Amino acid sequence: MPLPSPFSTISGFFKPLGSSLIDLCFPRICAGCGKINARAEGFWCADCLDRIAGINPPICPTCGRPFQDAPDSSDHLCGECLHSAFHFNSARSAVAHSGIVRDRIHQFKFGRRLEWAPPLVELLQATYEKWGINPPGVVIPVPLHLKRLKERGFNQSALLAKELARRLDLKVSYEILVRKKWTEPQTRLNRAQRLKNVRGAFDAPGRESIRNISILLIDDVFTTGETLSECARTLKKKGSAEVHALTVTRALPD
């Protein structure tokens, strides 16, 4: 039985947004504070962008973890990446999983507030453009299990991947990577449980060849990185040359 399209409930949602005439008649509202956005373009006003907790150097060059307690140090590997804990080549997140961006992700993901997708993609795009990796051969969202896709009605990561790929003029695929095993939400588990939870959860069934292709994985939140790492492991087993991961937010220690 074919999988339901992750876009079945929002056909046409991500068409190019507005024209100069529409912007003049209907001023764009900031996604953060809800006030009229005076910036010439973008979904966030200057004040909200200043308040958003961005992920800034120094960071781990592999997983992108920021070193908040050592702001004057240079970029260096974190403890996990020193021991090659992850299968992806590198990962980056736009902002910390806190404040208004965390709220907008929750509303988007669990409250079906699909209008928050473009502002979140704006943060993804800004992070991608300063990352410095070579353009990937294909953009792939972290897939949902069929059961959760039916419950939610859409895959939030697929919507983010589609809009980001459109903005960057990249190919996007929803068929290469599938989730074949039901997994419990990672937020409820400790690290050992998370590793076990996602082990063997994904498959790349070979509908499209990915041999020697560089892949950009897209997800909403980087928590421990285990889900992204398992996706990368699966893709590399099928011959992918490199796998890089990009998320809107990253959960950081208190």
C-alpha atoms as a PDB file:
ATOM      1  CA  MET A   1       0.000   0.000   0.000  1.00  0.00           C
ATOM      2  CA  PRO A   2       1.539   3.393  -0.962  1.00  0.00           C
ATOM      3  CA  LEU A   3       2.417   5.787   1.808  1.00  0.00           C
ATOM      4  CA  PRO A   4       0.155   8.842   2.161  1.00  0.00           C
ATOM      5  CA  SER A   5       1.745  12.007   0.881  1.00  0.00           C
ATOM      6  CA  PRO A   6       3.070  14.218   3.690  1.00  0.00           C
ATOM      7  CA  PHE A   7       1.552  17.134   1.776  1.00  0.00           C
ATOM      8  CA  SER A   8      -1.972  15.807   1.309  1.00  0.00           C
ATOM      9  CA  THR A   9      -3.500  18.300   3.727  1.00  0.00           C
ATOM     10  CA  ILE A  10      -1.577  21.350   2.535  1.00  0.00           C
ATOM     11  CA  SER A  11      -1.414  21.155  -1.253  1.00  0.00           C
ATOM     12  CA  GLY A  12       0.077  24.283  -2.659  1.00  0.00           C
ATOM     13  CA  PHE A  13       0.916  25.733   0.743  1.00  0.00           C
ATOM     14  CA  PHE A  14       4.497  26.551  -0.116  1.00  0.00           C
ATOM     15  CA  LYS A  15       3.983  28.596  -3.274  1.00  0.00           C
ATOM     16  CA  PRO A  16       6.134  31.739  -3.422  1.00  0.00           C
ATOM     17  CA  LEU A  17       4.791  34.042  -0.777  1.00  0.00           C
ATOM     18  CA  GLY A  18       3.281  37.303  -1.930  1.00  0.00           C
ATOM     19  CA  SER A  19       4.186  40.148  -4.224  1.00  0.00           C
ATOM     20  CA  SER A  20       5.177  43.732  -3.565  1.00  0.00           C
ATOM     21  CA  LEU A  21       1.538  44.798  -3.946  1.00  0.00           C
ATOM     22  CA  ILE A  22       0.334  42.209  -1.430  1.00  0.00           C
ATOM     23  CA  ASP A  23       3.093  43.215   0.980  1.00  0.00           C
ATOM     24  CA  LEU A  24       2.017  46.829   0.652  1.00  0.00           C
ATOM     25  CA  CYS A  25      -1.657  46.072   1.324  1.00  0.00           C
ATOM     26  CA  PHE A  26      -0.997  43.411   3.964  1.00  0.00           C
ATOM     27  CA  PRO A  27       2.233  44.197   5.860  1.00  0.00           C
ATOM     28  CA  ARG A  28       4.147  41.135   6.989  1.00  0.00           C
ATOM     29  CA  ILE A  29       3.797  40.311  10.674  1.00  0.00           C
ATOM     30  CA  CYS A  30       6.818  39.171  12.687  1.00  0.00           C
ATOM     31  CA  ALA A  31       6.700  35.452  13.519  1.00  0.00           C
ATOM     32  CA  GLY A  32       8.081  36.200  16.969  1.00  0.00           C
ATOM     33  CA  CYS A  33       6.347  39.226  18.486  1.00  0.00           C
ATOM     34  CA  GLY A  34       3.363  39.544  16.154  1.00  0.00           C
ATOM     35  CA  LYS A  35       4.099  43.192  15.329  1.00  0.00           C
ATOM     36  CA  ILE A  36       4.487  44.611  11.837  1.00  0.00           C
ATOM     37  CA  ASN A  37       7.885  43.599  10.515  1.00  0.00           C
ATOM     38  CA  ALA A  38       9.797  46.640   9.272  1.00  0.00           C
ATOM     39  CA  ARG A  39      12.531  44.537   7.648  1.00  0.00           C
ATOM     40  CA  ALA A  40      12.481  44.609   3.862  1.00  0.00           C
ATOM     41  CA  GLU A  41      12.274  40.827   3.759  1.00  0.00           C
ATOM     42  CA  GLY A  42      12.091  37.895   6.129  1.00  0.00           C
ATOM     43  CA  PHE A  43       9.652  36.641   8.738  1.00  0.00           C
ATOM     44  CA  TRP A  44      11.398  37.894  11.888  1.00  0.00           C
ATOM     45  CA  CYS A  45      11.800  41.497  12.987  1.00  0.00           C
ATOM     46  CA  ALA A  46      15.230  42.804  13.961  1.00  0.00           C
ATOM     47  CA  ASP A  47      14.380  42.867  17.680  1.00  0.00           C
ATOM     48  CA  CYS A  48      13.262  39.217  17.707  1.00  0.00           C
ATOM     49  CA  LEU A  49      16.324  38.129  15.749  1.00  0.00           C
ATOM     50  CA  ASP A  50      18.475  39.824  18.381  1.00  0.00           C
ATOM     51  CA  ARG A  51      16.669  37.926  21.149  1.00  0.00           C
ATOM     52  CA  ILE A  52      16.776  34.484  19.517  1.00  0.00           C
ATOM     53  CA  ALA A  53      19.529  32.337  21.052  1.00  0.00           C
ATOM     54  CA  GLY A  54      21.574  31.504  17.966  1.00  0.00           C
ATOM     55  CA  ILE A  55      24.195  28.758  17.824  1.00  0.00           C
ATOM     56  CA  ASN A  56      27.474  30.655  17.600  1.00  0.00           C
ATOM     57  CA  PRO A  57      31.189  29.717  17.765  1.00  0.00           C
ATOM     58  CA  PRO A  58      32.984  28.153  19.389  1.00  0.00           C
ATOM     59  CA  ILE A  59      31.316  24.915  18.335  1.00  0.00           C
ATOM     60  CA  CYS A  60      32.221  21.312  17.660  1.00  0.00           C
ATOM     61  CA  PRO A  61      33.010  21.214  13.914  1.00  0.00           C
ATOM     62  CA  THR A  62      31.418  17.772  13.619  1.00  0.00           C
ATOM     63  CA  CYS A  63      28.129  17.832  15.538  1.00  0.00           C
ATOM     64  CA  GLY A  64      27.794  21.599  15.932  1.00  0.00           C
ATOM     65  CA  ARG A  65      27.513  21.575  19.715  1.00  0.00           C
ATOM     66  CA  PRO A  66      28.284  25.051  21.104  1.00  0.00           C
ATOM     67  CA  PHE A  67      30.738  25.489  23.963  1.00  0.00           C
ATOM     68  CA  GLN A  68      28.799  27.980  26.058  1.00  0.00           C
ATOM     69  CA  ASP A  69      31.172  27.741  29.015  1.00  0.00           C
ATOM     70  CA  ALA A  70      34.248  28.533  26.917  1.00  0.00           C
ATOM     71  CA  PRO A  71      33.271  31.507  24.718  1.00  0.00           C
ATOM     72  CA  ASP A  72      36.891  32.531  24.064  1.00  0.00           C
ATOM     73  CA  SER A  73      38.082  29.139  22.832  1.00  0.00           C
ATOM     74  CA  SER A  74      38.370  28.098  19.193  1.00  0.00           C
ATOM     75  CA  ASP A  75      36.227  25.433  17.554  1.00  0.00           C
ATOM     76  CA  HIS A  76      37.176  21.956  18.766  1.00  0.00           C
ATOM     77  CA  LEU A  77      35.745  18.450  18.904  1.00  0.00           C
ATOM     78  CA  CYS A  78      33.376  17.620  21.746  1.00  0.00           C
ATOM     79  CA  GLY A  79      33.813  14.461  23.820  1.00  0.00           C
ATOM     80  CA  GLU A  80      31.315  12.466  21.755  1.00  0.00           C
ATOM     81  CA  CYS A  81      32.894  13.379  18.449  1.00  0.00           C
ATOM     82  CA  LEU A  82      36.390  12.634  19.767  1.00  0.00           C
ATOM     83  CA  HIS A  83      35.103   9.066  20.093  1.00  0.00           C
ATOM     84  CA  SER A  84      33.288   9.100  16.722  1.00  0.00           C
ATOM     85  CA  ALA A  85      29.881   8.756  18.334  1.00  0.00           C
ATOM     86  CA  PHE A  86      27.923   9.895  15.260  1.00  0.00           C
ATOM     87  CA  HIS A  87      27.642   8.511  11.732  1.00  0.00           C
ATOM     88  CA  PHE A  88      26.892  11.827  10.006  1.00  0.00           C
ATOM     89  CA  ASN A  89      29.819  13.826   8.633  1.00  0.00           C
ATOM     90  CA  SER A  90      28.676  17.042  10.232  1.00  0.00           C
ATOM     91  CA  ALA A  91      25.587  18.642  11.752  1.00  0.00           C
ATOM     92  CA  ARG A  92      24.423  22.174  12.410  1.00  0.00           C
ATOM     93  CA  SER A  93      21.453  23.758  14.158  1.00  0.00           C
ATOM     94  CA  ALA A  94      20.207  27.302  13.681  1.00  0.00           C
ATOM     95  CA  VAL A  95      19.264  28.231  17.252  1.00  0.00           C
ATOM     96  CA  ALA A  96      18.930  26.842  20.753  1.00  0.00           C
ATOM     97  CA  HIS A  97      15.738  24.924  21.547  1.00  0.00           C
ATOM     98  CA  SER A  98      14.305  27.660  23.734  1.00  0.00           C
ATOM     99  CA  GLY A  99      12.114  30.738  23.729  1.00  0.00           C
ATOM    100  CA  ILE A 100       9.881  31.760  20.864  1.00  0.00           C
ATOM    101  CA  VAL A 101      11.438  29.414  18.284  1.00  0.00           C
ATOM    102  CA  ARG A 102      10.786  26.401  20.541  1.00  0.00           C
ATOM    103  CA  ASP A 103       7.198  27.628  20.953  1.00  0.00           C
ATOM    104  CA  ARG A 104       6.731  27.998  17.210  1.00  0.00           C
ATOM    105  CA  ILE A 105       8.097  24.486  16.580  1.00  0.00           C
ATOM    106  CA  HIS A 106       5.661  23.026  19.122  1.00  0.00           C
ATOM    107  CA  GLN A 107       2.750  24.923  17.570  1.00  0.00           C
ATOM    108  CA  PHE A 108       3.799  23.868  14.066  1.00  0.00           C
ATOM    109  CA  LYS A 109       4.421  20.239  14.952  1.00  0.00           C
ATOM    110  CA  PHE A 110       1.640  19.463  17.408  1.00  0.00           C
ATOM    111  CA  GLY A 111      -0.872  22.265  16.823  1.00  0.00           C
ATOM    112  CA  ARG A 112      -0.957  22.110  13.013  1.00  0.00           C
ATOM    113  CA  ARG A 113       0.121  25.756  12.780  1.00  0.00           C
ATOM    114  CA  LEU A 114       1.573  25.290   9.317  1.00  0.00           C
ATOM    115  CA  GLU A 115       2.094  29.019   8.848  1.00  0.00           C
ATOM    116  CA  TRP A 116       5.164  28.768  11.096  1.00  0.00           C
ATOM    117  CA  ALA A 117       7.049  26.591   8.599  1.00  0.00           C
ATOM    118  CA  PRO A 118       8.404  29.415   6.370  1.00  0.00           C
ATOM    119  CA  PRO A 119       9.817  31.409   9.333  1.00  0.00           C
ATOM    120  CA  LEU A 120      11.545  28.265  10.598  1.00  0.00           C
ATOM    121  CA  VAL A 121      12.965  27.562   7.138  1.00  0.00           C
ATOM    122  CA  GLU A 122      14.329  31.106   7.068  1.00  0.00           C
ATOM    123  CA  LEU A 123      16.482  30.168  10.083  1.00  0.00           C
ATOM    124  CA  LEU A 124      17.551  26.919   8.393  1.00  0.00           C
ATOM    125  CA  GLN A 125      18.546  28.738   5.227  1.00  0.00           C
ATOM    126  CA  ALA A 126      20.643  31.334   7.063  1.00  0.00           C
ATOM    127  CA  THR A 127      22.523  28.559   8.872  1.00  0.00           C
ATOM    128  CA  TYR A 128      23.040  26.501   5.712  1.00  0.00           C
ATOM    129  CA  GLU A 129      24.427  29.480   3.800  1.00  0.00           C
ATOM    130  CA  LYS A 130      27.135  30.182   6.363  1.00  0.00           C
ATOM    131  CA  TRP A 131      27.977  26.495   6.915  1.00  0.00           C
ATOM    132  CA  GLY A 132      30.365  26.066   3.998  1.00  0.00           C
ATOM    133  CA  ILE A 133      29.531  22.512   2.898  1.00  0.00           C
ATOM    134  CA  ASN A 134      29.313  21.635  -0.787  1.00  0.00           C
ATOM    135  CA  PRO A 135      25.787  21.609  -2.228  1.00  0.00           C
ATOM    136  CA  PRO A 136      24.224  18.192  -1.558  1.00  0.00           C
ATOM    137  CA  GLY A 137      22.963  15.934  -4.299  1.00  0.00           C
ATOM    138  CA  VAL A 138      19.626  15.567  -2.521  1.00  0.00           C
ATOM    139  CA  VAL A 139      17.777  16.886   0.533  1.00  0.00           C
ATOM    140  CA  ILE A 140      16.019  14.238   2.658  1.00  0.00           C
ATOM    141  CA  PRO A 141      13.717  14.767   5.652  1.00  0.00           C
ATOM    142  CA  VAL A 142      13.856  12.470   8.660  1.00  0.00           C
ATOM    143  CA  PRO A 143      10.808  10.254   7.996  1.00  0.00           C
ATOM    144  CA  LEU A 144       7.918   9.478  10.315  1.00  0.00           C
ATOM    145  CA  HIS A 145       6.542   6.000  10.899  1.00  0.00           C
ATOM    146  CA  LEU A 146       3.322   5.424   8.944  1.00  0.00           C
ATOM    147  CA  LYS A 147       1.326   5.241  12.181  1.00  0.00           C
ATOM    148  CA  ARG A 148       2.549   8.644  13.387  1.00  0.00           C
ATOM    149  CA  LEU A 149       2.144  10.149   9.910  1.00  0.00           C
ATOM    150  CA  LYS A 150      -1.520   9.097   9.932  1.00  0.00           C
ATOM    151  CA  GLU A 151      -2.001  10.505  13.433  1.00  0.00           C
ATOM    152  CA  ARG A 152      -0.384  13.875  12.687  1.00  0.00           C
ATOM    153  CA  GLY A 153      -1.462  14.193   9.077  1.00  0.00           C
ATOM    154  CA  PHE A 154       1.902  15.538   7.905  1.00  0.00           C
ATOM    155  CA  ASN A 155       5.620  15.170   8.474  1.00  0.00           C
ATOM    156  CA  GLN A 156       6.964  18.450   9.809  1.00  0.00           C
ATOM    157  CA  SER A 157      10.497  17.629   8.631  1.00  0.00           C
ATOM    158  CA  ALA A 158       9.229  16.943   5.107  1.00  0.00           C
ATOM    159  CA  LEU A 159       7.589  20.358   4.957  1.00  0.00           C
ATOM    160  CA  LEU A 160      10.776  22.049   6.136  1.00  0.00           C
ATOM    161  CA  ALA A 161      12.874  20.054   3.635  1.00  0.00           C
ATOM    162  CA  LYS A 162      10.567  20.888   0.744  1.00  0.00           C
ATOM    163  CA  GLU A 163      10.653  24.632   1.326  1.00  0.00           C
ATOM    164  CA  LEU A 164      14.391  24.722   2.023  1.00  0.00           C
ATOM    165  CA  ALA A 165      15.127  22.756  -1.163  1.00  0.00           C
ATOM    166  CA  ARG A 166      12.902  25.134  -3.140  1.00  0.00           C
ATOM    167  CA  ARG A 167      14.746  28.163  -1.791  1.00  0.00           C
ATOM    168  CA  LEU A 168      18.158  26.651  -2.507  1.00  0.00           C
ATOM    169  CA  ASP A 169      17.168  25.086  -5.854  1.00  0.00           C
ATOM    170  CA  LEU A 170      18.092  21.598  -4.662  1.00  0.00           C
ATOM    171  CA  LYS A 171      16.503  18.212  -5.281  1.00  0.00           C
ATOM    172  CA  VAL A 172      14.371  16.807  -2.447  1.00  0.00           C
ATOM    173  CA  SER A 173      13.252  13.193  -2.005  1.00  0.00           C
ATOM    174  CA  TYR A 174      10.712  11.605   0.347  1.00  0.00           C
ATOM    175  CA  GLU A 175      11.210   8.055  -0.900  1.00  0.00           C
ATOM    176  CA  ILE A 176      14.894   7.344  -0.307  1.00  0.00           C
ATOM    177  CA  LEU A 177      14.691   6.984   3.474  1.00  0.00           C
ATOM    178  CA  VAL A 178      11.794   5.327   5.316  1.00  0.00           C
ATOM    179  CA  ARG A 179      11.093   4.575   8.958  1.00  0.00           C
ATOM    180  CA  LYS A 180      10.271   0.880   9.168  1.00  0.00           C
ATOM    181  CA  LYS A 181      10.151   0.506  12.949  1.00  0.00           C
ATOM    182  CA  TRP A 182       7.874   2.242  15.448  1.00  0.00           C
ATOM    183  CA  THR A 183       9.910   4.162  18.035  1.00  0.00           C
ATOM    184  CA  GLU A 184       8.967   5.885  21.250  1.00  0.00           C
ATOM    185  CA  PRO A 185       9.497   9.671  21.436  1.00  0.00           C
ATOM    186  CA  GLN A 186      13.180  10.231  22.189  1.00  0.00           C
ATOM    187  CA  THR A 187      12.485  12.985  24.733  1.00  0.00           C
ATOM    188  CA  ARG A 188      11.209  10.393  27.232  1.00  0.00           C
ATOM    189  CA  LEU A 189      14.355   8.253  27.153  1.00  0.00           C
ATOM    190  CA  ASN A 190      17.889   8.386  28.498  1.00  0.00           C
ATOM    191  CA  ARG A 191      20.870   8.130  26.155  1.00  0.00           C
ATOM    192  CA  ALA A 192      21.238   4.341  26.292  1.00  0.00           C
ATOM    193  CA  GLN A 193      17.506   3.901  25.698  1.00  0.00           C
ATOM    194  CA  ARG A 194      17.613   6.332  22.778  1.00  0.00           C
ATOM    195  CA  LEU A 195      20.390   4.389  21.085  1.00  0.00           C
ATOM    196  CA  LYS A 196      18.418   1.163  21.431  1.00  0.00           C
ATOM    197  CA  ASN A 197      15.156   2.856  20.434  1.00  0.00           C
ATOM    198  CA  VAL A 198      16.346   4.008  16.997  1.00  0.00           C
ATOM    199  CA  ARG A 199      18.691   1.139  16.162  1.00  0.00           C
ATOM    200  CA  GLY A 200      17.438  -0.426  12.932  1.00  0.00           C
ATOM    201  CA  ALA A 201      14.491   1.981  12.750  1.00  0.00           C
ATOM    202  CA  PHE A 202      15.241   3.197   9.201  1.00  0.00           C
ATOM    203  CA  ASP A 203      15.758   1.703   5.780  1.00  0.00           C
ATOM    204  CA  ALA A 204      16.765   2.970   2.342  1.00  0.00           C
ATOM    205  CA  PRO A 205      14.879   0.497   0.146  1.00  0.00           C
ATOM    206  CA  GLY A 206      16.598   1.407  -3.097  1.00  0.00           C
ATOM    207  CA  ARG A 207      13.825   3.190  -4.981  1.00  0.00           C
ATOM    208  CA  GLU A 208      16.429   5.822  -5.877  1.00  0.00           C
ATOM    209  CA  SER A 209      20.181   5.272  -6.089  1.00  0.00           C
ATOM    210  CA  ILE A 210      22.223   7.268  -3.589  1.00  0.00           C
ATOM    211  CA  ARG A 211      25.609   5.706  -4.310  1.00  0.00           C
ATOM    212  CA  ASN A 212      28.366   8.324  -4.081  1.00  0.00           C
ATOM    213  CA  ILE A 213      25.804  11.086  -3.476  1.00  0.00           C
ATOM    214  CA  SER A 214      26.082  13.704  -0.735  1.00  0.00           C
ATOM    215  CA  ILE A 215      22.905  14.010   1.344  1.00  0.00           C
ATOM    216  CA  LEU A 216      21.501  16.798   3.516  1.00  0.00           C
ATOM    217  CA  LEU A 217      19.217  15.465   6.269  1.00  0.00           C
ATOM    218  CA  ILE A 218      16.572  17.833   7.650  1.00  0.00           C
ATOM    219  CA  ASP A 219      14.822  17.623  11.023  1.00  0.00           C
ATOM    220  CA  ASP A 220      13.201  20.093  13.392  1.00  0.00           C
ATOM    221  CA  VAL A 221      15.164  19.439  16.609  1.00  0.00           C
ATOM    222  CA  PHE A 222      18.598  17.982  17.416  1.00  0.00           C
ATOM    223  CA  THR A 223      18.202  16.428  20.868  1.00  0.00           C
ATOM    224  CA  THR A 224      21.012  13.912  21.343  1.00  0.00           C
ATOM    225  CA  GLY A 225      21.700  13.314  17.649  1.00  0.00           C
ATOM    226  CA  GLU A 226      20.918   9.596  17.807  1.00  0.00           C
ATOM    227  CA  THR A 227      18.055   9.745  15.294  1.00  0.00           C
ATOM    228  CA  LEU A 228      20.106  11.728  12.788  1.00  0.00           C
ATOM    229  CA  SER A 229      23.076   9.425  13.330  1.00  0.00           C
ATOM    230  CA  GLU A 230      21.010   6.316  12.689  1.00  0.00           C
ATOM    231  CA  CYS A 231      19.592   7.874   9.522  1.00  0.00           C
ATOM    232  CA  ALA A 232      23.139   8.631   8.384  1.00  0.00           C
ATOM    233  CA  ARG A 233      24.294   5.086   9.182  1.00  0.00           C
ATOM    234  CA  THR A 234      21.470   3.667   7.072  1.00  0.00           C
ATOM    235  CA  LEU A 235      22.192   5.966   4.134  1.00  0.00           C
ATOM    236  CA  LYS A 236      25.924   5.255   4.188  1.00  0.00           C
ATOM    237  CA  LYS A 237      25.266   1.502   4.195  1.00  0.00           C
ATOM    238  CA  LYS A 238      23.480   2.100   0.882  1.00  0.00           C
ATOM    239  CA  GLY A 239      26.508   3.888  -0.543  1.00  0.00           C
ATOM    240  CA  SER A 240      25.986   7.575   0.216  1.00  0.00           C
ATOM    241  CA  ALA A 241      29.266   9.494   0.001  1.00  0.00           C
ATOM    242  CA  GLU A 242      28.507  11.971   2.798  1.00  0.00           C
ATOM    243  CA  VAL A 243      25.595  12.772   5.092  1.00  0.00           C
ATOM    244  CA  HIS A 244      25.204  16.179   6.729  1.00  0.00           C
ATOM    245  CA  ALA A 245      22.361  17.079   9.085  1.00  0.00           C
ATOM    246  CA  LEU A 246      20.614  20.405   9.598  1.00  0.00           C
ATOM    247  CA  THR A 247      17.972  21.206  12.231  1.00  0.00           C
ATOM    248  CA  VAL A 248      16.116  24.332  13.289  1.00  0.00           C
ATOM    249  CA  THR A 249      16.961  23.980  16.976  1.00  0.00           C
ATOM    250  CA  ARG A 250      19.340  22.146  19.262  1.00  0.00           C
ATOM    251  CA  ALA A 251      18.535  21.061  22.796  1.00  0.00           C
ATOM    252  CA  LEU A 252      21.322  22.250  25.083  1.00  0.00           C
ATOM    253  CA  PRO A 253      22.184  21.362  28.689  1.00  0.00           C
ATOM    254  CA  ASP A 254      20.839  23.743  31.312  1.00  0.00           C
END
